[in-house]
Amino acid sequence: MTIPEDLKTRLKIAKSKIKKQVLLENEKKGSFIGSAFKLGTELVAAVAVGTIIGFILDSWFDTKPWLIVIFFFLGTVAGILNVIRTANRMQKED
């Protein structure tokens, strides 16, 4: 093999390795964004569900706004606990 051909072969190998690394890094970035979206959605959903339950119970028992406030905070606590559990689970997987 001549020197230019050897250099071309080495360049092709190096380029393919770099391309694979870039693809893996892009894939990891996408999974991080998905994980962040999942955690945010869990928190918002728990707060929303707690507030809706409080609203429904308030309308049944005519205790406005007490049950809305109580279930809002319960939903917030539940959402934070879910986010912590999920984050710990995701951290163990990595």
Protein backbone atom coordinates (compact mmCIF):
# COMPACT_ATOMS: atom_id res chain seq x y z
CA MET A 1 0.00 0.00 0.00
CA THR A 2 1.23 3.48 -0.76
CA ILE A 3 1.35 6.26 1.77
CA PRO A 4 -1.63 8.27 0.35
CA GLU A 5 -3.83 5.15 0.30
CA ASP A 6 -2.83 4.28 3.86
CA LEU A 7 -3.63 7.83 4.94
CA LYS A 8 -7.02 7.69 3.20
CA THR A 9 -7.85 4.43 4.97
CA ARG A 10 -6.88 5.84 8.35
CA LEU A 11 -8.96 8.96 7.71
CA LYS A 12 -12.00 6.89 6.78
CA ILE A 13 -11.67 4.85 9.97
CA ALA A 14 -11.24 7.97 12.11
CA LYS A 15 -14.24 9.68 10.47
CA SER A 16 -16.47 6.66 11.05
CA LYS A 17 -15.46 6.53 14.73
CA ILE A 18 -16.18 10.23 15.17
CA LYS A 19 -19.52 9.86 13.41
CA LYS A 20 -20.52 7.02 15.75
CA GLN A 21 -19.59 9.11 18.80
CA VAL A 22 -21.62 12.07 17.56
CA LEU A 23 -24.65 9.85 16.97
CA LEU A 24 -24.37 8.35 20.47
CA GLU A 25 -24.08 11.80 22.05
CA ASN A 26 -27.12 13.06 20.14
CA GLU A 27 -29.07 9.99 21.25
CA LYS A 28 -28.16 10.65 24.89
CA LYS A 29 -29.24 14.29 24.60
CA GLY A 30 -32.61 13.18 23.26
CA SER A 31 -33.10 10.73 26.09
CA PHE A 32 -32.25 13.43 28.65
CA ILE A 33 -34.84 15.76 27.16
CA GLY A 34 -37.42 12.97 27.23
CA SER A 35 -36.62 12.21 30.84
CA ALA A 36 -36.92 15.87 31.82
CA PHE A 37 -40.26 16.10 30.02
CA LYS A 38 -41.46 12.97 31.81
CA LEU A 39 -40.50 14.33 35.23
CA GLY A 40 -42.17 17.68 34.55
CA THR A 41 -45.33 16.02 33.32
CA GLU A 42 -45.53 13.80 36.40
CA LEU A 43 -45.28 16.80 38.70
CA VAL A 44 -47.86 18.88 36.84
CA ALA A 45 -50.27 15.95 36.53
CA ALA A 46 -50.14 15.17 40.25
CA VAL A 47 -50.85 18.79 41.18
CA ALA A 48 -53.68 19.00 38.64
CA VAL A 49 -55.29 15.76 39.81
CA GLY A 50 -55.07 16.82 43.46
CA THR A 51 -56.64 20.18 42.71
CA ILE A 52 -59.45 18.64 40.66
CA ILE A 53 -60.23 16.13 43.42
CA GLY A 54 -60.33 18.99 45.93
CA PHE A 55 -62.64 21.00 43.67
CA ILE A 56 -65.04 18.08 43.23
CA LEU A 57 -65.13 17.32 46.96
CA ASP A 58 -65.65 21.01 47.74
CA SER A 59 -68.63 21.15 45.44
CA TRP A 60 -70.13 18.05 47.10
CA PHE A 61 -69.58 19.16 50.70
CA ASP A 62 -69.87 22.97 50.25
CA THR A 63 -66.56 23.60 52.02
CA LYS A 64 -65.00 25.94 49.44
CA PRO A 65 -61.98 26.61 49.29
CA TRP A 66 -60.60 24.36 52.02
CA LEU A 67 -60.51 21.01 50.25
CA ILE A 68 -59.11 22.59 47.10
CA VAL A 69 -56.21 24.01 49.10
CA ILE A 70 -55.62 20.79 51.03
CA PHE A 71 -55.68 18.57 47.95
CA PHE A 72 -53.53 21.05 46.02
CA PHE A 73 -50.79 20.63 48.61
CA LEU A 74 -51.31 16.86 48.78
CA GLY A 75 -50.98 16.69 44.98
CA THR A 76 -47.84 18.81 45.14
CA VAL A 77 -46.26 16.53 47.74
CA ALA A 78 -47.26 13.43 45.77
CA GLY A 79 -45.83 14.90 42.57
CA ILE A 80 -42.52 15.78 44.23
CA LEU A 81 -42.24 12.29 45.71
CA ASN A 82 -42.96 10.73 42.31
CA VAL A 83 -40.30 12.89 40.68
CA ILE A 84 -37.75 11.94 43.35
CA ARG A 85 -38.53 8.22 43.00
CA THR A 86 -38.36 8.34 39.22
CA ALA A 87 -35.12 10.34 39.25
CA ASN A 88 -33.54 7.85 41.65
CA ARG A 89 -34.65 4.95 39.46
CA MET A 90 -33.26 6.64 36.35
CA GLN A 91 -30.00 7.35 38.12
CA LYS A 92 -29.61 3.68 39.13
CA GLU A 93 -30.18 2.61 35.50
CA ASP A 94 -27.33 4.82 34.31
